[in-house]
Amino acid sequence: MIVAASIVGVVWVLAPPFDRAAPRPPGSELVEIKGTMGGFSTAEIRVRAGRPLTVRLTSVDTPFHTDGGGKHQFAIDALGVNIIAPPQDAREASFTPPPGVYEYYCDVCCGGRANPTMRGKLIVEA
């Protein structure tokens, strides 16, 4: 019994957590967005093409939020980006977007894509 508990403890300490974000790329621009019942904190993001971008999404809502359980999402279909932040926590993803205008949205709560406060634009300038 003690040996089994020791093995489980060693594996737990040495194994990387499933939700640990990969290190940010060097020179990455960090954009922080908050998701609440009222919508995203930012409706437009402007960045330069050719640079890595890290988006950190924080869900300010609690798990008691009745629509979506307090989770929020930052998704850009055209770029394959899909971040889901648990209630009162943050998650991030890094990517290098090509020039263009992209819609980002949350589709896990608050009326989803149909809610204009749960959508925004990522504008990547050449």
N, C-alpha and C. Protein backbone atom coordinates (compact mmCIF):
# COMPACT_ATOMS: atom_id res chain seq x y z
N MET A 1 0.83 -1.19 0.00
CA MET A 1 0.00 0.00 0.00
C MET A 1 0.87 1.25 0.00
N ILE A 2 1.91 1.25 0.84
CA ILE A 2 2.81 2.42 0.91
C ILE A 2 3.58 2.56 -0.39
N VAL A 3 4.00 1.43 -0.97
CA VAL A 3 4.74 1.48 -2.23
C VAL A 3 3.86 2.06 -3.33
N ALA A 4 2.61 1.63 -3.41
CA ALA A 4 1.70 2.14 -4.44
C ALA A 4 1.47 3.64 -4.26
N ALA A 5 1.28 4.09 -3.04
CA ALA A 5 1.09 5.52 -2.79
C ALA A 5 2.34 6.30 -3.16
N SER A 6 3.51 5.74 -2.89
CA SER A 6 4.77 6.41 -3.24
C SER A 6 4.92 6.54 -4.75
N ILE A 7 4.59 5.49 -5.48
CA ILE A 7 4.69 5.52 -6.94
C ILE A 7 3.73 6.56 -7.51
N VAL A 8 2.50 6.57 -7.02
CA VAL A 8 1.53 7.56 -7.49
C VAL A 8 2.03 8.97 -7.20
N GLY A 9 2.60 9.19 -6.03
CA GLY A 9 3.13 10.51 -5.67
C GLY A 9 4.26 10.94 -6.58
N VAL A 10 5.19 10.03 -6.90
CA VAL A 10 6.31 10.35 -7.78
C VAL A 10 5.81 10.67 -9.18
N VAL A 11 4.89 9.88 -9.70
CA VAL A 11 4.34 10.13 -11.03
C VAL A 11 3.63 11.47 -11.06
N TRP A 12 2.86 11.79 -10.02
CA TRP A 12 2.13 13.06 -9.97
C TRP A 12 3.09 14.24 -9.98
N VAL A 13 4.20 14.14 -9.26
CA VAL A 13 5.17 15.24 -9.19
C VAL A 13 5.93 15.38 -10.51
N LEU A 14 6.29 14.29 -11.14
CA LEU A 14 7.11 14.33 -12.35
C LEU A 14 6.31 14.57 -13.62
N ALA A 15 5.06 14.18 -13.63
CA ALA A 15 4.25 14.34 -14.84
C ALA A 15 3.86 15.80 -15.02
N PRO A 16 3.97 16.30 -16.25
CA PRO A 16 3.54 17.69 -16.47
C PRO A 16 2.02 17.79 -16.38
N PRO A 17 1.52 18.88 -15.83
CA PRO A 17 0.07 19.04 -15.77
C PRO A 17 -0.52 19.14 -17.17
N PHE A 18 -1.74 18.66 -17.32
CA PHE A 18 -2.40 18.68 -18.62
C PHE A 18 -2.71 20.09 -19.08
N ASP A 19 -2.94 21.00 -18.14
CA ASP A 19 -3.36 22.34 -18.53
C ASP A 19 -2.22 23.35 -18.56
N ARG A 20 -1.00 22.89 -18.43
CA ARG A 20 0.13 23.81 -18.46
C ARG A 20 0.35 24.29 -19.89
N ALA A 21 0.41 25.60 -20.04
CA ALA A 21 0.62 26.17 -21.38
C ALA A 21 2.07 25.97 -21.80
N ALA A 22 2.28 25.80 -23.08
CA ALA A 22 3.63 25.72 -23.61
C ALA A 22 4.29 27.08 -23.43
N PRO A 23 5.63 27.11 -23.34
CA PRO A 23 6.29 28.41 -23.20
C PRO A 23 5.95 29.32 -24.37
N ARG A 24 5.84 30.60 -24.08
CA ARG A 24 5.56 31.57 -25.15
C ARG A 24 6.76 31.67 -26.08
N PRO A 25 6.49 31.82 -27.37
CA PRO A 25 7.60 32.00 -28.32
C PRO A 25 8.34 33.31 -28.02
N PRO A 26 9.66 33.33 -28.24
CA PRO A 26 10.41 34.57 -28.03
C PRO A 26 9.85 35.70 -28.90
N GLY A 27 9.74 36.88 -28.33
CA GLY A 27 9.24 38.03 -29.08
C GLY A 27 7.74 38.04 -29.27
N SER A 28 7.04 37.13 -28.61
CA SER A 28 5.59 37.05 -28.77
C SER A 28 4.92 38.26 -28.14
N GLU A 29 3.92 38.79 -28.85
CA GLU A 29 3.11 39.87 -28.31
C GLU A 29 1.98 39.26 -27.50
N LEU A 30 1.81 39.72 -26.25
CA LEU A 30 0.77 39.19 -25.38
C LEU A 30 -0.45 40.10 -25.41
N VAL A 31 -1.60 39.50 -25.70
CA VAL A 31 -2.88 40.20 -25.65
C VAL A 31 -3.72 39.50 -24.59
N GLU A 32 -4.21 40.28 -23.63
CA GLU A 32 -5.04 39.71 -22.57
C GLU A 32 -6.49 40.12 -22.78
N ILE A 33 -7.36 39.13 -22.74
CA ILE A 33 -8.79 39.36 -22.94
C ILE A 33 -9.54 38.72 -21.77
N LYS A 34 -10.52 39.44 -21.27
CA LYS A 34 -11.37 38.90 -20.21
C LYS A 34 -12.74 38.59 -20.79
N GLY A 35 -13.28 37.44 -20.40
CA GLY A 35 -14.63 37.08 -20.78
C GLY A 35 -15.53 37.15 -19.55
N THR A 36 -16.65 37.85 -19.67
CA THR A 36 -17.61 37.96 -18.58
C THR A 36 -19.01 37.75 -19.16
N MET A 37 -20.00 37.75 -18.28
CA MET A 37 -21.39 37.66 -18.75
C MET A 37 -21.73 38.83 -19.66
N GLY A 38 -21.01 39.93 -19.51
CA GLY A 38 -21.26 41.12 -20.34
C GLY A 38 -20.54 41.10 -21.66
N GLY A 39 -19.68 40.12 -21.90
CA GLY A 39 -18.97 40.03 -23.17
C GLY A 39 -17.46 40.06 -22.99
N PHE A 40 -16.76 40.24 -24.10
CA PHE A 40 -15.29 40.33 -24.09
C PHE A 40 -14.87 41.73 -23.65
N SER A 41 -13.72 41.82 -23.02
CA SER A 41 -13.18 43.12 -22.61
C SER A 41 -12.61 43.88 -23.79
N THR A 42 -12.34 43.19 -24.89
CA THR A 42 -11.74 43.80 -26.07
C THR A 42 -12.52 43.38 -27.32
N ALA A 43 -12.97 44.35 -28.10
CA ALA A 43 -13.74 44.03 -29.31
C ALA A 43 -12.86 44.04 -30.56
N GLU A 44 -11.65 44.60 -30.45
CA GLU A 44 -10.76 44.65 -31.62
C GLU A 44 -9.32 44.54 -31.16
N ILE A 45 -8.58 43.68 -31.84
CA ILE A 45 -7.16 43.49 -31.58
C ILE A 45 -6.42 43.79 -32.87
N ARG A 46 -5.38 44.63 -32.79
CA ARG A 46 -4.54 44.94 -33.96
C ARG A 46 -3.11 44.50 -33.67
N VAL A 47 -2.56 43.71 -34.58
CA VAL A 47 -1.18 43.24 -34.45
C VAL A 47 -0.50 43.29 -35.82
N ARG A 48 0.81 43.17 -35.80
CA ARG A 48 1.58 43.12 -37.05
C ARG A 48 1.79 41.67 -37.47
N ALA A 49 1.74 41.46 -38.76
CA ALA A 49 1.96 40.12 -39.32
C ALA A 49 3.41 39.71 -39.11
N GLY A 50 3.63 38.41 -39.06
CA GLY A 50 4.99 37.88 -38.97
C GLY A 50 5.52 37.77 -37.56
N ARG A 51 4.77 38.22 -36.58
CA ARG A 51 5.20 38.11 -35.18
C ARG A 51 4.29 37.12 -34.46
N PRO A 52 4.88 36.31 -33.59
CA PRO A 52 4.02 35.42 -32.80
C PRO A 52 3.10 36.23 -31.89
N LEU A 53 1.90 35.74 -31.72
CA LEU A 53 0.90 36.38 -30.88
C LEU A 53 0.47 35.37 -29.82
N THR A 54 0.43 35.81 -28.58
CA THR A 54 -0.11 34.98 -27.50
C THR A 54 -1.37 35.65 -26.99
N VAL A 55 -2.46 34.91 -27.00
CA VAL A 55 -3.72 35.41 -26.46
C VAL A 55 -3.96 34.69 -25.13
N ARG A 56 -4.13 35.48 -24.08
CA ARG A 56 -4.48 34.92 -22.77
C ARG A 56 -5.94 35.29 -22.49
N LEU A 57 -6.76 34.28 -22.37
CA LEU A 57 -8.18 34.47 -22.07
C LEU A 57 -8.43 34.16 -20.61
N THR A 58 -9.04 35.10 -19.90
CA THR A 58 -9.41 34.91 -18.50
C THR A 58 -10.93 34.93 -18.40
N SER A 59 -11.49 33.90 -17.78
CA SER A 59 -12.92 33.89 -17.50
C SER A 59 -13.13 34.45 -16.10
N VAL A 60 -13.80 35.57 -16.03
CA VAL A 60 -14.05 36.24 -14.76
C VAL A 60 -15.25 35.62 -14.04
N ASP A 61 -16.10 34.92 -14.77
CA ASP A 61 -17.32 34.36 -14.19
C ASP A 61 -17.03 33.19 -13.25
N THR A 62 -17.99 32.93 -12.36
CA THR A 62 -17.88 31.83 -11.41
C THR A 62 -18.51 30.57 -12.00
N PRO A 63 -18.25 29.41 -11.38
CA PRO A 63 -18.87 28.18 -11.89
C PRO A 63 -20.39 28.18 -11.73
N PHE A 64 -20.93 29.13 -10.97
CA PHE A 64 -22.37 29.20 -10.75
C PHE A 64 -23.09 29.96 -11.85
N HIS A 65 -22.34 30.48 -12.81
CA HIS A 65 -22.95 31.17 -13.96
C HIS A 65 -23.82 30.14 -14.68
N THR A 66 -25.10 30.43 -14.84
CA THR A 66 -26.04 29.43 -15.33
C THR A 66 -25.91 29.10 -16.82
N ASP A 67 -25.30 29.94 -17.59
CA ASP A 67 -25.19 29.72 -19.04
C ASP A 67 -23.72 29.47 -19.38
N GLY A 68 -23.33 28.21 -19.49
CA GLY A 68 -21.95 27.89 -19.84
C GLY A 68 -21.11 27.49 -18.65
N GLY A 69 -21.66 27.54 -17.44
CA GLY A 69 -20.91 27.10 -16.27
C GLY A 69 -19.71 27.95 -15.93
N GLY A 70 -19.68 29.19 -16.40
CA GLY A 70 -18.57 30.08 -16.07
C GLY A 70 -17.40 30.01 -17.03
N LYS A 71 -17.44 29.09 -17.99
CA LYS A 71 -16.35 28.99 -18.98
C LYS A 71 -16.53 30.06 -20.05
N HIS A 72 -15.42 30.44 -20.66
CA HIS A 72 -15.46 31.30 -21.83
C HIS A 72 -14.48 30.76 -22.87
N GLN A 73 -14.72 31.13 -24.12
CA GLN A 73 -13.94 30.62 -25.24
C GLN A 73 -13.44 31.79 -26.08
N PHE A 74 -12.26 31.61 -26.65
CA PHE A 74 -11.72 32.52 -27.67
C PHE A 74 -11.38 31.63 -28.85
N ALA A 75 -12.17 31.73 -29.92
CA ALA A 75 -11.96 30.85 -31.07
C ALA A 75 -11.87 31.67 -32.35
N ILE A 76 -10.96 31.26 -33.22
CA ILE A 76 -10.85 31.82 -34.57
C ILE A 76 -10.80 30.63 -35.51
N ASP A 77 -11.91 30.35 -36.16
CA ASP A 77 -12.00 29.17 -37.02
C ASP A 77 -10.95 29.17 -38.12
N ALA A 78 -10.76 30.29 -38.78
CA ALA A 78 -9.85 30.37 -39.93
C ALA A 78 -8.40 30.08 -39.55
N LEU A 79 -8.05 30.25 -38.27
CA LEU A 79 -6.67 30.03 -37.83
C LEU A 79 -6.53 28.79 -36.95
N GLY A 80 -7.63 28.09 -36.71
CA GLY A 80 -7.57 26.89 -35.88
C GLY A 80 -7.29 27.18 -34.41
N VAL A 81 -7.66 28.36 -33.94
CA VAL A 81 -7.43 28.75 -32.55
C VAL A 81 -8.69 28.45 -31.74
N ASN A 82 -8.52 27.78 -30.61
CA ASN A 82 -9.65 27.48 -29.74
C ASN A 82 -9.15 27.41 -28.30
N ILE A 83 -9.39 28.47 -27.54
CA ILE A 83 -8.99 28.54 -26.14
C ILE A 83 -10.26 28.50 -25.31
N ILE A 84 -10.30 27.65 -24.30
CA ILE A 84 -11.43 27.63 -23.37
C ILE A 84 -10.87 27.81 -21.97
N ALA A 85 -11.29 28.90 -21.31
CA ALA A 85 -10.84 29.20 -19.96
C ALA A 85 -11.89 28.74 -18.96
N PRO A 86 -11.47 27.97 -17.95
CA PRO A 86 -12.41 27.56 -16.90
C PRO A 86 -12.84 28.77 -16.06
N PRO A 87 -13.88 28.61 -15.25
CA PRO A 87 -14.34 29.72 -14.42
C PRO A 87 -13.22 30.27 -13.53
N GLN A 88 -13.12 31.58 -13.48
CA GLN A 88 -12.15 32.29 -12.65
C GLN A 88 -10.73 31.78 -12.85
N ASP A 89 -10.38 31.53 -14.11
CA ASP A 89 -9.05 31.03 -14.45
C ASP A 89 -8.69 31.54 -15.84
N ALA A 90 -7.48 31.27 -16.26
CA ALA A 90 -7.00 31.74 -17.56
C ALA A 90 -6.33 30.61 -18.32
N ARG A 91 -6.39 30.71 -19.63
CA ARG A 91 -5.67 29.82 -20.54
C ARG A 91 -5.13 30.68 -21.67
N GLU A 92 -4.06 30.21 -22.31
CA GLU A 92 -3.49 30.99 -23.41
C GLU A 92 -3.02 30.08 -24.52
N ALA A 93 -2.88 30.67 -25.69
CA ALA A 93 -2.36 29.97 -26.87
C ALA A 93 -1.53 30.95 -27.68
N SER A 94 -0.50 30.43 -28.33
CA SER A 94 0.37 31.25 -29.17
C SER A 94 0.27 30.77 -30.61
N PHE A 95 0.28 31.72 -31.54
CA PHE A 95 0.21 31.40 -32.96
C PHE A 95 0.74 32.61 -33.72
N THR A 96 1.08 32.42 -34.98
CA THR A 96 1.58 33.50 -35.83
C THR A 96 0.58 33.70 -36.96
N PRO A 97 -0.29 34.69 -36.83
CA PRO A 97 -1.34 34.88 -37.84
C PRO A 97 -0.84 35.59 -39.09
N PRO A 98 -1.28 35.15 -40.26
CA PRO A 98 -0.95 35.88 -41.49
C PRO A 98 -1.82 37.13 -41.60
N PRO A 99 -1.44 38.06 -42.49
CA PRO A 99 -2.24 39.28 -42.65
C PRO A 99 -3.69 38.95 -42.98
N GLY A 100 -4.59 39.76 -42.44
CA GLY A 100 -6.01 39.57 -42.71
C GLY A 100 -6.85 40.06 -41.54
N VAL A 101 -8.15 39.92 -41.70
CA VAL A 101 -9.10 40.27 -40.64
C VAL A 101 -9.84 38.99 -40.28
N TYR A 102 -9.84 38.66 -39.00
CA TYR A 102 -10.41 37.41 -38.53
C TYR A 102 -11.43 37.69 -37.43
N GLU A 103 -12.52 36.94 -37.45
CA GLU A 103 -13.50 37.06 -36.38
C GLU A 103 -13.12 36.11 -35.25
N TYR A 104 -13.13 36.62 -34.02
CA TYR A 104 -13.03 35.73 -32.87
C TYR A 104 -14.35 35.76 -32.12
N TYR A 105 -14.63 34.68 -31.39
CA TYR A 105 -15.93 34.56 -30.74
C TYR A 105 -15.87 33.61 -29.56
N CYS A 106 -16.90 33.66 -28.74
CA CYS A 106 -17.15 32.69 -27.68
C CYS A 106 -18.47 32.02 -28.00
N ASP A 107 -18.49 30.70 -28.01
CA ASP A 107 -19.72 29.99 -28.33
C ASP A 107 -20.13 29.03 -27.21
N VAL A 108 -19.59 29.24 -26.00
CA VAL A 108 -19.94 28.34 -24.90
C VAL A 108 -20.89 28.97 -23.90
N CYS A 109 -21.19 30.23 -24.02
CA CYS A 109 -22.11 30.86 -23.07
C CYS A 109 -22.66 32.17 -23.62
N CYS A 110 -23.52 32.77 -22.84
CA CYS A 110 -23.99 34.15 -23.07
C CYS A 110 -24.58 34.39 -24.46
N GLY A 111 -25.24 33.40 -25.02
CA GLY A 111 -25.84 33.58 -26.34
C GLY A 111 -24.91 33.23 -27.48
N GLY A 112 -23.66 32.90 -27.16
CA GLY A 112 -22.71 32.47 -28.18
C GLY A 112 -22.45 33.49 -29.26
N ARG A 113 -22.19 33.00 -30.46
CA ARG A 113 -21.83 33.87 -31.58
C ARG A 113 -22.91 34.89 -31.93
N ALA A 114 -24.16 34.58 -31.58
CA ALA A 114 -25.24 35.52 -31.89
C ALA A 114 -25.17 36.77 -31.02
N ASN A 115 -24.46 36.71 -29.91
CA ASN A 115 -24.33 37.85 -29.01
C ASN A 115 -23.21 38.75 -29.51
N PRO A 116 -23.50 39.99 -29.89
CA PRO A 116 -22.45 40.86 -30.43
C PRO A 116 -21.34 41.19 -29.44
N THR A 117 -21.59 41.04 -28.14
CA THR A 117 -20.53 41.31 -27.16
C THR A 117 -19.60 40.12 -26.98
N MET A 118 -19.95 38.98 -27.57
CA MET A 118 -19.11 37.79 -27.48
C MET A 118 -18.38 37.53 -28.81
N ARG A 119 -18.18 38.60 -29.58
CA ARG A 119 -17.45 38.52 -30.85
C ARG A 119 -16.50 39.70 -30.93
N GLY A 120 -15.48 39.55 -31.75
CA GLY A 120 -14.56 40.65 -31.99
C GLY A 120 -13.77 40.40 -33.25
N LYS A 121 -12.85 41.32 -33.56
CA LYS A 121 -12.02 41.20 -34.76
C LYS A 121 -10.55 41.22 -34.39
N LEU A 122 -9.82 40.30 -35.00
CA LEU A 122 -8.37 40.32 -34.96
C LEU A 122 -7.92 40.87 -36.30
N ILE A 123 -7.25 42.01 -36.28
CA ILE A 123 -6.77 42.64 -37.51
C ILE A 123 -5.26 42.50 -37.54
N VAL A 124 -4.77 41.75 -38.53
CA VAL A 124 -3.34 41.50 -38.66
C VAL A 124 -2.85 42.31 -39.85
N GLU A 125 -2.03 43.32 -39.55
CA GLU A 125 -1.56 44.25 -40.58
C GLU A 125 -0.20 43.84 -41.11
N ALA A 126 -0.05 43.92 -42.43
CA ALA A 126 1.21 43.55 -43.08
C ALA A 126 2.28 44.59 -42.81
